[in-house]
Amino acid sequence: MTELDPNLHHPTRLTVLAFLSGCQEAEFGAVRDYCQVSDSVLSKTAATLEELGYVKAKKGYVGKRPRTWLAATRAGRAALAGHLTALQQLAAAAAEAAGADR
């Protein structure tokens, strides 16, 4: 059985990484809006995921306005895939155990 990733137990970390896995990169504001969190919560979450090597942040400008883009790394995508596989295995094992009790 694949193990759950303890770094992805936090719902915001899981949501951010899941969102980023669906695109090459996303602007900070788009991720914030999708996750329905404040700038500070997303900033702390992104910093944690970046320290883990799951997310890469890139800073730049659009005109004169500073912008931050976030992207899932290869390691982040692999961690998410493993975590989701473990969740599916857990659900299947529970369903099988529940069916065996009937």
PDB file of N, CA and C in Angstrom:
ATOM      1  N   MET A   1       0.851  -1.182   0.000  1.00  0.00           N
ATOM      2  CA  MET A   1       0.000   0.000   0.000  1.00  0.00           C
ATOM      3  C   MET A   1       0.896   1.244   0.000  1.00  0.00           C
ATOM      4  N   THR A   2       0.602   2.185  -0.855  1.00  0.00           N
ATOM      5  CA  THR A   2       1.326   3.443  -0.930  1.00  0.00           C
ATOM      6  C   THR A   2       1.026   4.266   0.313  1.00  0.00           C
ATOM      7  N   GLU A   3       2.024   5.009   0.807  1.00  0.00           N
ATOM      8  CA  GLU A   3       1.824   5.808   2.015  1.00  0.00           C
ATOM      9  C   GLU A   3       1.335   7.207   1.675  1.00  0.00           C
ATOM     10  N   LEU A   4       0.478   7.742   2.562  1.00  0.00           N
ATOM     11  CA  LEU A   4       0.038   9.126   2.447  1.00  0.00           C
ATOM     12  C   LEU A   4       1.235  10.042   2.701  1.00  0.00           C
ATOM     13  N   ASP A   5       1.283  11.167   2.018  1.00  0.00           N
ATOM     14  CA  ASP A   5       2.344  12.144   2.222  1.00  0.00           C
ATOM     15  C   ASP A   5       1.930  13.058   3.366  1.00  0.00           C
ATOM     16  N   PRO A   6       2.618  13.019   4.500  1.00  0.00           N
ATOM     17  CA  PRO A   6       2.223  13.851   5.642  1.00  0.00           C
ATOM     18  C   PRO A   6       2.291  15.352   5.332  1.00  0.00           C
ATOM     19  N   ASN A   7       3.069  15.730   4.346  1.00  0.00           N
ATOM     20  CA  ASN A   7       3.167  17.140   3.964  1.00  0.00           C
ATOM     21  C   ASN A   7       1.918  17.624   3.238  1.00  0.00           C
ATOM     22  N   LEU A   8       1.092  16.695   2.789  1.00  0.00           N
ATOM     23  CA  LEU A   8      -0.114  17.069   2.052  1.00  0.00           C
ATOM     24  C   LEU A   8      -1.395  16.824   2.848  1.00  0.00           C
ATOM     25  N   HIS A   9      -1.261  16.566   4.147  1.00  0.00           N
ATOM     26  CA  HIS A   9      -2.449  16.405   4.984  1.00  0.00           C
ATOM     27  C   HIS A   9      -3.192  17.721   5.157  1.00  0.00           C
ATOM     28  N   HIS A  10      -2.456  18.822   5.137  1.00  0.00           N
ATOM     29  CA  HIS A  10      -3.094  20.135   5.320  1.00  0.00           C
ATOM     30  C   HIS A  10      -3.925  20.445   4.075  1.00  0.00           C
ATOM     31  N   PRO A  11      -5.209  20.755   4.244  1.00  0.00           N
ATOM     32  CA  PRO A  11      -6.091  20.959   3.087  1.00  0.00           C
ATOM     33  C   PRO A  11      -5.618  22.052   2.129  1.00  0.00           C
ATOM     34  N   THR A  12      -5.056  23.136   2.644  1.00  0.00           N
ATOM     35  CA  THR A  12      -4.622  24.215   1.747  1.00  0.00           C
ATOM     36  C   THR A  12      -3.430  23.783   0.919  1.00  0.00           C
ATOM     37  N   ARG A  13      -2.487  23.074   1.507  1.00  0.00           N
ATOM     38  CA  ARG A  13      -1.335  22.571   0.738  1.00  0.00           C
ATOM     39  C   ARG A  13      -1.802  21.631  -0.363  1.00  0.00           C
ATOM     40  N   LEU A  14      -2.723  20.744  -0.015  1.00  0.00           N
ATOM     41  CA  LEU A  14      -3.249  19.790  -0.991  1.00  0.00           C
ATOM     42  C   LEU A  14      -3.972  20.510  -2.116  1.00  0.00           C
ATOM     43  N   THR A  15      -4.786  21.497  -1.774  1.00  0.00           N
ATOM     44  CA  THR A  15      -5.545  22.240  -2.777  1.00  0.00           C
ATOM     45  C   THR A  15      -4.630  23.029  -3.706  1.00  0.00           C
ATOM     46  N   VAL A  16      -3.629  23.688  -3.132  1.00  0.00           N
ATOM     47  CA  VAL A  16      -2.683  24.467  -3.950  1.00  0.00           C
ATOM     48  C   VAL A  16      -1.959  23.551  -4.919  1.00  0.00           C
ATOM     49  N   LEU A  17      -1.427  22.447  -4.423  1.00  0.00           N
ATOM     50  CA  LEU A  17      -0.668  21.547  -5.286  1.00  0.00           C
ATOM     51  C   LEU A  17      -1.570  20.903  -6.340  1.00  0.00           C
ATOM     52  N   ALA A  18      -2.790  20.556  -5.966  1.00  0.00           N
ATOM     53  CA  ALA A  18      -3.722  19.977  -6.944  1.00  0.00           C
ATOM     54  C   ALA A  18      -4.037  20.985  -8.045  1.00  0.00           C
ATOM     55  N   PHE A  19      -4.278  22.239  -7.663  1.00  0.00           N
ATOM     56  CA  PHE A  19      -4.552  23.279  -8.661  1.00  0.00           C
ATOM     57  C   PHE A  19      -3.362  23.445  -9.601  1.00  0.00           C
ATOM     58  N   LEU A  20      -2.171  23.537  -9.024  1.00  0.00           N
ATOM     59  CA  LEU A  20      -0.976  23.758  -9.840  1.00  0.00           C
ATOM     60  C   LEU A  20      -0.635  22.567 -10.724  1.00  0.00           C
ATOM     61  N   SER A  21      -1.074  21.377 -10.331  1.00  0.00           N
ATOM     62  CA  SER A  21      -0.780  20.204 -11.159  1.00  0.00           C
ATOM     63  C   SER A  21      -1.576  20.214 -12.457  1.00  0.00           C
ATOM     64  N   GLY A  22      -2.610  21.049 -12.504  1.00  0.00           N
ATOM     65  CA  GLY A  22      -3.440  21.132 -13.701  1.00  0.00           C
ATOM     66  C   GLY A  22      -2.974  22.163 -14.715  1.00  0.00           C
ATOM     67  N   CYS A  23      -1.851  22.820 -14.440  1.00  0.00           N
ATOM     68  CA  CYS A  23      -1.356  23.848 -15.360  1.00  0.00           C
ATOM     69  C   CYS A  23       0.162  23.916 -15.273  1.00  0.00           C
ATOM     70  N   GLN A  24       0.771  24.630 -16.222  1.00  0.00           N
ATOM     71  CA  GLN A  24       2.226  24.790 -16.174  1.00  0.00           C
ATOM     72  C   GLN A  24       2.629  25.723 -15.048  1.00  0.00           C
ATOM     73  N   GLU A  25       1.929  26.846 -14.938  1.00  0.00           N
ATOM     74  CA  GLU A  25       2.138  27.787 -13.846  1.00  0.00           C
ATOM     75  C   GLU A  25       0.888  28.646 -13.728  1.00  0.00           C
ATOM     76  N   ALA A  26       0.749  29.284 -12.568  1.00  0.00           N
ATOM     77  CA  ALA A  26      -0.423  30.129 -12.346  1.00  0.00           C
ATOM     78  C   ALA A  26      -0.003  31.359 -11.560  1.00  0.00           C
ATOM     79  N   GLU A  27      -0.659  32.469 -11.865  1.00  0.00           N
ATOM     80  CA  GLU A  27      -0.381  33.711 -11.150  1.00  0.00           C
ATOM     81  C   GLU A  27      -0.914  33.580  -9.724  1.00  0.00           C
ATOM     82  N   PHE A  28      -0.195  34.154  -8.799  1.00  0.00           N
ATOM     83  CA  PHE A  28      -0.510  34.083  -7.374  1.00  0.00           C
ATOM     84  C   PHE A  28      -1.988  34.376  -7.106  1.00  0.00           C
ATOM     85  N   GLY A  29      -2.507  35.426  -7.690  1.00  0.00           N
ATOM     86  CA  GLY A  29      -3.898  35.819  -7.467  1.00  0.00           C
ATOM     87  C   GLY A  29      -4.887  34.763  -7.922  1.00  0.00           C
ATOM     88  N   ALA A  30      -4.593  34.084  -9.014  1.00  0.00           N
ATOM     89  CA  ALA A  30      -5.484  33.023  -9.506  1.00  0.00           C
ATOM     90  C   ALA A  30      -5.511  31.846  -8.527  1.00  0.00           C
ATOM     91  N   VAL A  31      -4.343  31.499  -7.999  1.00  0.00           N
ATOM     92  CA  VAL A  31      -4.262  30.404  -7.020  1.00  0.00           C
ATOM     93  C   VAL A  31      -4.996  30.806  -5.747  1.00  0.00           C
ATOM     94  N   ARG A  32      -4.752  32.025  -5.283  1.00  0.00           N
ATOM     95  CA  ARG A  32      -5.407  32.541  -4.075  1.00  0.00           C
ATOM     96  C   ARG A  32      -6.926  32.489  -4.223  1.00  0.00           C
ATOM     97  N   ASP A  33      -7.429  32.963  -5.351  1.00  0.00           N
ATOM     98  CA  ASP A  33      -8.873  32.991  -5.578  1.00  0.00           C
ATOM     99  C   ASP A  33      -9.456  31.587  -5.644  1.00  0.00           C
ATOM    100  N   TYR A  34      -8.772  30.676  -6.321  1.00  0.00           N
ATOM    101  CA  TYR A  34      -9.265  29.307  -6.428  1.00  0.00           C
ATOM    102  C   TYR A  34      -9.326  28.646  -5.053  1.00  0.00           C
ATOM    103  N   CYS A  35      -8.286  28.844  -4.263  1.00  0.00           N
ATOM    104  CA  CYS A  35      -8.200  28.213  -2.943  1.00  0.00           C
ATOM    105  C   CYS A  35      -9.033  28.933  -1.892  1.00  0.00           C
ATOM    106  N   GLN A  36      -9.515  30.123  -2.235  1.00  0.00           N
ATOM    107  CA  GLN A  36     -10.331  30.937  -1.333  1.00  0.00           C
ATOM    108  C   GLN A  36      -9.621  31.181  -0.002  1.00  0.00           C
ATOM    109  N   VAL A  37      -8.369  31.654  -0.110  1.00  0.00           N
ATOM    110  CA  VAL A  37      -7.573  31.998   1.062  1.00  0.00           C
ATOM    111  C   VAL A  37      -7.045  33.423   0.907  1.00  0.00           C
ATOM    112  N   SER A  38      -6.513  33.957   1.980  1.00  0.00           N
ATOM    113  CA  SER A  38      -5.939  35.303   1.938  1.00  0.00           C
ATOM    114  C   SER A  38      -4.539  35.257   1.330  1.00  0.00           C
ATOM    115  N   ASP A  39      -4.026  36.426   0.982  1.00  0.00           N
ATOM    116  CA  ASP A  39      -2.665  36.519   0.458  1.00  0.00           C
ATOM    117  C   ASP A  39      -1.663  35.909   1.439  1.00  0.00           C
ATOM    118  N   SER A  40      -1.814  36.224   2.724  1.00  0.00           N
ATOM    119  CA  SER A  40      -0.839  35.746   3.709  1.00  0.00           C
ATOM    120  C   SER A  40      -0.888  34.230   3.861  1.00  0.00           C
ATOM    121  N   VAL A  41      -2.075  33.651   3.829  1.00  0.00           N
ATOM    122  CA  VAL A  41      -2.188  32.190   3.938  1.00  0.00           C
ATOM    123  C   VAL A  41      -1.543  31.525   2.725  1.00  0.00           C
ATOM    124  N   LEU A  42      -1.819  32.043   1.529  1.00  0.00           N
ATOM    125  CA  LEU A  42      -1.214  31.452   0.340  1.00  0.00           C
ATOM    126  C   LEU A  42       0.295  31.658   0.342  1.00  0.00           C
ATOM    127  N   SER A  43       0.745  32.807   0.777  1.00  0.00           N
ATOM    128  CA  SER A  43       2.175  33.081   0.827  1.00  0.00           C
ATOM    129  C   SER A  43       2.887  32.083   1.740  1.00  0.00           C
ATOM    130  N   LYS A  44       2.339  31.846   2.925  1.00  0.00           N
ATOM    131  CA  LYS A  44       2.941  30.890   3.864  1.00  0.00           C
ATOM    132  C   LYS A  44       2.875  29.464   3.314  1.00  0.00           C
ATOM    133  N   THR A  45       1.756  29.126   2.707  1.00  0.00           N
ATOM    134  CA  THR A  45       1.596  27.786   2.141  1.00  0.00           C
ATOM    135  C   THR A  45       2.569  27.570   0.994  1.00  0.00           C
ATOM    136  N   ALA A  46       2.676  28.551   0.105  1.00  0.00           N
ATOM    137  CA  ALA A  46       3.606  28.444  -1.028  1.00  0.00           C
ATOM    138  C   ALA A  46       5.040  28.345  -0.539  1.00  0.00           C
ATOM    139  N   ALA A  47       5.389  29.103   0.497  1.00  0.00           N
ATOM    140  CA  ALA A  47       6.754  29.044   1.040  1.00  0.00           C
ATOM    141  C   ALA A  47       7.048  27.657   1.596  1.00  0.00           C
ATOM    142  N   THR A  48       6.084  27.072   2.289  1.00  0.00           N
ATOM    143  CA  THR A  48       6.271  25.719   2.821  1.00  0.00           C
ATOM    144  C   THR A  48       6.426  24.709   1.698  1.00  0.00           C
ATOM    145  N   LEU A  49       5.553  24.791   0.690  1.00  0.00           N
ATOM    146  CA  LEU A  49       5.651  23.859  -0.441  1.00  0.00           C
ATOM    147  C   LEU A  49       6.948  24.064  -1.214  1.00  0.00           C
ATOM    148  N   GLU A  50       7.427  25.297  -1.274  1.00  0.00           N
ATOM    149  CA  GLU A  50       8.695  25.562  -1.957  1.00  0.00           C
ATOM    150  C   GLU A  50       9.857  24.964  -1.167  1.00  0.00           C
ATOM    151  N   GLU A  51       9.827  25.080   0.152  1.00  0.00           N
ATOM    152  CA  GLU A  51      10.873  24.474   0.994  1.00  0.00           C
ATOM    153  C   GLU A  51      10.904  22.956   0.827  1.00  0.00           C
ATOM    154  N   LEU A  52       9.741  22.365   0.626  1.00  0.00           N
ATOM    155  CA  LEU A  52       9.645  20.922   0.420  1.00  0.00           C
ATOM    156  C   LEU A  52      10.093  20.507  -0.980  1.00  0.00           C
ATOM    157  N   GLY A  53      10.231  21.482  -1.875  1.00  0.00           N
ATOM    158  CA  GLY A  53      10.597  21.185  -3.260  1.00  0.00           C
ATOM    159  C   GLY A  53       9.407  20.828  -4.126  1.00  0.00           C
ATOM    160  N   TYR A  54       8.182  21.080  -3.639  1.00  0.00           N
ATOM    161  CA  TYR A  54       6.978  20.730  -4.367  1.00  0.00           C
ATOM    162  C   TYR A  54       6.498  21.844  -5.294  1.00  0.00           C
ATOM    163  N   VAL A  55       6.898  23.072  -5.011  1.00  0.00           N
ATOM    164  CA  VAL A  55       6.459  24.235  -5.778  1.00  0.00           C
ATOM    165  C   VAL A  55       7.647  25.139  -6.040  1.00  0.00           C
ATOM    166  N   LYS A  56       7.611  25.794  -7.180  1.00  0.00           N
ATOM    167  CA  LYS A  56       8.626  26.797  -7.537  1.00  0.00           C
ATOM    168  C   LYS A  56       7.910  28.127  -7.723  1.00  0.00           C
ATOM    169  N   ALA A  57       8.454  29.165  -7.099  1.00  0.00           N
ATOM    170  CA  ALA A  57       7.884  30.508  -7.250  1.00  0.00           C
ATOM    171  C   ALA A  57       8.801  31.330  -8.153  1.00  0.00           C
ATOM    172  N   LYS A  58       8.187  32.117  -9.018  1.00  0.00           N
ATOM    173  CA  LYS A  58       8.931  32.980  -9.935  1.00  0.00           C
ATOM    174  C   LYS A  58       8.351  34.380  -9.809  1.00  0.00           C
ATOM    175  N   LYS A  59       9.217  35.344  -9.597  1.00  0.00           N
ATOM    176  CA  LYS A  59       8.768  36.735  -9.467  1.00  0.00           C
ATOM    177  C   LYS A  59       9.132  37.513 -10.711  1.00  0.00           C
ATOM    178  N   GLY A  60       8.280  38.463 -11.046  1.00  0.00           N
ATOM    179  CA  GLY A  60       8.511  39.283 -12.227  1.00  0.00           C
ATOM    180  C   GLY A  60       7.563  40.468 -12.211  1.00  0.00           C
ATOM    181  N   TYR A  61       7.421  41.076 -13.359  1.00  0.00           N
ATOM    182  CA  TYR A  61       6.567  42.259 -13.480  1.00  0.00           C
ATOM    183  C   TYR A  61       5.650  42.123 -14.685  1.00  0.00           C
ATOM    184  N   VAL A  62       4.476  42.687 -14.547  1.00  0.00           N
ATOM    185  CA  VAL A  62       3.560  42.891 -15.663  1.00  0.00           C
ATOM    186  C   VAL A  62       3.400  44.402 -15.701  1.00  0.00           C
ATOM    187  N   GLY A  63       4.036  45.014 -16.695  1.00  0.00           N
ATOM    188  CA  GLY A  63       4.141  46.471 -16.696  1.00  0.00           C
ATOM    189  C   GLY A  63       5.016  46.868 -15.525  1.00  0.00           C
ATOM    190  N   LYS A  64       4.513  47.721 -14.687  1.00  0.00           N
ATOM    191  CA  LYS A  64       5.276  48.130 -13.509  1.00  0.00           C
ATOM    192  C   LYS A  64       4.803  47.431 -12.236  1.00  0.00           C
ATOM    193  N   ARG A  65       3.856  46.517 -12.388  1.00  0.00           N
ATOM    194  CA  ARG A  65       3.302  45.836 -11.215  1.00  0.00           C
ATOM    195  C   ARG A  65       4.036  44.515 -10.961  1.00  0.00           C
ATOM    196  N   PRO A  66       4.492  44.324  -9.722  1.00  0.00           N
ATOM    197  CA  PRO A  66       5.153  43.047  -9.401  1.00  0.00           C
ATOM    198  C   PRO A  66       4.141  41.907  -9.389  1.00  0.00           C
ATOM    199  N   ARG A  67       4.579  40.759  -9.846  1.00  0.00           N
ATOM    200  CA  ARG A  67       3.728  39.570  -9.887  1.00  0.00           C
ATOM    201  C   ARG A  67       4.549  38.360  -9.436  1.00  0.00           C
ATOM    202  N   THR A  68       3.831  37.373  -8.923  1.00  0.00           N
ATOM    203  CA  THR A  68       4.441  36.095  -8.550  1.00  0.00           C
ATOM    204  C   THR A  68       3.665  34.990  -9.246  1.00  0.00           C
ATOM    205  N   TRP A  69       4.400  34.074  -9.838  1.00  0.00           N
ATOM    206  CA  TRP A  69       3.805  32.906 -10.469  1.00  0.00           C
ATOM    207  C   TRP A  69       4.259  31.665  -9.713  1.00  0.00           C
ATOM    208  N   LEU A  70       3.385  30.714  -9.588  1.00  0.00           N
ATOM    209  CA  LEU A  70       3.678  29.460  -8.900  1.00  0.00           C
ATOM    210  C   LEU A  70       3.541  28.303  -9.873  1.00  0.00           C
ATOM    211  N   ALA A  71       4.399  27.313  -9.697  1.00  0.00           N
ATOM    212  CA  ALA A  71       4.344  26.116 -10.543  1.00  0.00           C
ATOM    213  C   ALA A  71       4.684  24.895  -9.706  1.00  0.00           C
ATOM    214  N   ALA A  72       4.000  23.802  -9.960  1.00  0.00           N
ATOM    215  CA  ALA A  72       4.329  22.535  -9.312  1.00  0.00           C
ATOM    216  C   ALA A  72       5.603  21.987  -9.945  1.00  0.00           C
ATOM    217  N   THR A  73       6.495  21.483  -9.120  1.00  0.00           N
ATOM    218  CA  THR A  73       7.719  20.858  -9.627  1.00  0.00           C
ATOM    219  C   THR A  73       7.438  19.397  -9.969  1.00  0.00           C
ATOM    220  N   ARG A  74       8.397  18.755 -10.590  1.00  0.00           N
ATOM    221  CA  ARG A  74       8.265  17.325 -10.891  1.00  0.00           C
ATOM    222  C   ARG A  74       8.081  16.546  -9.581  1.00  0.00           C
ATOM    223  N   ALA A  75       8.849  16.917  -8.557  1.00  0.00           N
ATOM    224  CA  ALA A  75       8.730  16.250  -7.250  1.00  0.00           C
ATOM    225  C   ALA A  75       7.349  16.496  -6.641  1.00  0.00           C
ATOM    226  N   GLY A  76       6.828  17.695  -6.802  1.00  0.00           N
ATOM    227  CA  GLY A  76       5.500  18.015  -6.280  1.00  0.00           C
ATOM    228  C   GLY A  76       4.410  17.217  -6.973  1.00  0.00           C
ATOM    229  N   ARG A  77       4.532  17.101  -8.291  1.00  0.00           N
ATOM    230  CA  ARG A  77       3.543  16.315  -9.048  1.00  0.00           C
ATOM    231  C   ARG A  77       3.602  14.839  -8.639  1.00  0.00           C
ATOM    232  N   ALA A  78       4.807  14.335  -8.425  1.00  0.00           N
ATOM    233  CA  ALA A  78       4.966  12.937  -8.007  1.00  0.00           C
ATOM    234  C   ALA A  78       4.410  12.731  -6.596  1.00  0.00           C
ATOM    235  N   ALA A  79       4.658  13.682  -5.701  1.00  0.00           N
ATOM    236  CA  ALA A  79       4.142  13.581  -4.336  1.00  0.00           C
ATOM    237  C   ALA A  79       2.617  13.586  -4.340  1.00  0.00           C
ATOM    238  N   LEU A  80       2.032  14.458  -5.148  1.00  0.00           N
ATOM    239  CA  LEU A  80       0.574  14.522  -5.242  1.00  0.00           C
ATOM    240  C   LEU A  80       0.017  13.214  -5.805  1.00  0.00           C
ATOM    241  N   ALA A  81       0.616  12.698  -6.856  1.00  0.00           N
ATOM    242  CA  ALA A  81       0.148  11.446  -7.454  1.00  0.00           C
ATOM    243  C   ALA A  81       0.224  10.302  -6.445  1.00  0.00           C
ATOM    244  N   GLY A  82       1.321  10.222  -5.703  1.00  0.00           N
ATOM    245  CA  GLY A  82       1.460   9.180  -4.686  1.00  0.00           C
ATOM    246  C   GLY A  82       0.432   9.325  -3.578  1.00  0.00           C
ATOM    247  N   HIS A  83       0.201  10.560  -3.159  1.00  0.00           N
ATOM    248  CA  HIS A  83      -0.781  10.825  -2.098  1.00  0.00           C
ATOM    249  C   HIS A  83      -2.185  10.435  -2.556  1.00  0.00           C
ATOM    250  N   LEU A  84      -2.530  10.797  -3.783  1.00  0.00           N
ATOM    251  CA  LEU A  84      -3.854  10.450  -4.311  1.00  0.00           C
ATOM    252  C   LEU A  84      -4.012   8.942  -4.468  1.00  0.00           C
ATOM    253  N   THR A  85      -2.959   8.270  -4.891  1.00  0.00           N
ATOM    254  CA  THR A  85      -2.992   6.808  -5.004  1.00  0.00           C
ATOM    255  C   THR A  85      -3.228   6.187  -3.630  1.00  0.00           C
ATOM    256  N   ALA A  86      -2.532   6.691  -2.618  1.00  0.00           N
ATOM    257  CA  ALA A  86      -2.706   6.175  -1.260  1.00  0.00           C
ATOM    258  C   ALA A  86      -4.129   6.401  -0.767  1.00  0.00           C
ATOM    259  N   LEU A  87      -4.704   7.569  -1.063  1.00  0.00           N
ATOM    260  CA  LEU A  87      -6.092   7.838  -0.669  1.00  0.00           C
ATOM    261  C   LEU A  87      -7.048   6.868  -1.356  1.00  0.00           C
ATOM    262  N   GLN A  88      -6.818   6.598  -2.643  1.00  0.00           N
ATOM    263  CA  GLN A  88      -7.677   5.663  -3.376  1.00  0.00           C
ATOM    264  C   GLN A  88      -7.555   4.253  -2.809  1.00  0.00           C
ATOM    265  N   GLN A  89      -6.332   3.852  -2.455  1.00  0.00           N
ATOM    266  CA  GLN A  89      -6.122   2.531  -1.872  1.00  0.00           C
ATOM    267  C   GLN A  89      -6.807   2.419  -0.511  1.00  0.00           C
ATOM    268  N   LEU A  90      -6.719   3.494   0.255  1.00  0.00           N
ATOM    269  CA  LEU A  90      -7.365   3.527   1.569  1.00  0.00           C
ATOM    270  C   LEU A  90      -8.883   3.392   1.428  1.00  0.00           C
ATOM    271  N   ALA A  91      -9.449   4.134   0.486  1.00  0.00           N
ATOM    272  CA  ALA A  91     -10.900   4.071   0.265  1.00  0.00           C
ATOM    273  C   ALA A  91     -11.315   2.689  -0.232  1.00  0.00           C
ATOM    274  N   ALA A  92     -10.531   2.103  -1.131  1.00  0.00           N
ATOM    275  CA  ALA A  92     -10.863   0.779  -1.658  1.00  0.00           C
ATOM    276  C   ALA A  92     -10.769  -0.280  -0.563  1.00  0.00           C
ATOM    277  N   ALA A  93      -9.745  -0.183   0.282  1.00  0.00           N
ATOM    278  CA  ALA A  93      -9.596  -1.144   1.376  1.00  0.00           C
ATOM    279  C   ALA A  93     -10.748  -1.021   2.365  1.00  0.00           C
ATOM    280  N   ALA A  94     -11.171   0.202   2.641  1.00  0.00           N
ATOM    281  CA  ALA A  94     -12.293   0.418   3.558  1.00  0.00           C
ATOM    282  C   ALA A  94     -13.582  -0.138   2.969  1.00  0.00           C
ATOM    283  N   ALA A  95     -13.784   0.106   1.679  1.00  0.00           N
ATOM    284  CA  ALA A  95     -14.991  -0.409   1.018  1.00  0.00           C
ATOM    285  C   ALA A  95     -14.987  -1.933   1.019  1.00  0.00           C
ATOM    286  N   GLU A  96     -13.835  -2.531   0.783  1.00  0.00           N
ATOM    287  CA  GLU A  96     -13.732  -3.984   0.781  1.00  0.00           C
ATOM    288  C   GLU A  96     -13.993  -4.548   2.174  1.00  0.00           C
ATOM    289  N   ALA A  97     -13.430  -3.898   3.183  1.00  0.00           N
ATOM    290  CA  ALA A  97     -13.643  -4.352   4.564  1.00  0.00           C
ATOM    291  C   ALA A  97     -15.111  -4.219   4.955  1.00  0.00           C
ATOM    292  N   ALA A  98     -15.743  -3.156   4.550  1.00  0.00           N
ATOM    293  CA  ALA A  98     -17.164  -2.941   4.865  1.00  0.00           C
ATOM    294  C   ALA A  98     -18.030  -3.985   4.165  1.00  0.00           C
ATOM    295  N   GLY A  99     -17.639  -4.336   2.948  1.00  0.00           N
ATOM    296  CA  GLY A  99     -18.382  -5.360   2.205  1.00  0.00           C
ATOM    297  C   GLY A  99     -18.199  -6.744   2.785  1.00  0.00           C
ATOM    298  N   ALA A 100     -17.042  -6.997   3.397  1.00  0.00           N
ATOM    299  CA  ALA A 100     -16.770  -8.306   3.982  1.00  0.00           C
ATOM    300  C   ALA A 100     -17.589  -8.551   5.243  1.00  0.00           C
ATOM    301  N   ASP A 101     -18.019  -7.451   5.883  1.00  0.00           N
ATOM    302  CA  ASP A 101     -18.804  -7.563   7.123  1.00  0.00           C
ATOM    303  C   ASP A 101     -20.270  -7.877   6.864  1.00  0.00           C
ATOM    304  N   ARG A 102     -20.693  -7.813   5.641  1.00  0.00           N
ATOM    305  CA  ARG A 102     -22.117  -8.037   5.333  1.00  0.00           C
ATOM    306  C   ARG A 102     -22.480  -9.480   5.342  1.00  0.00           C
TER     307      ARG A 102
END
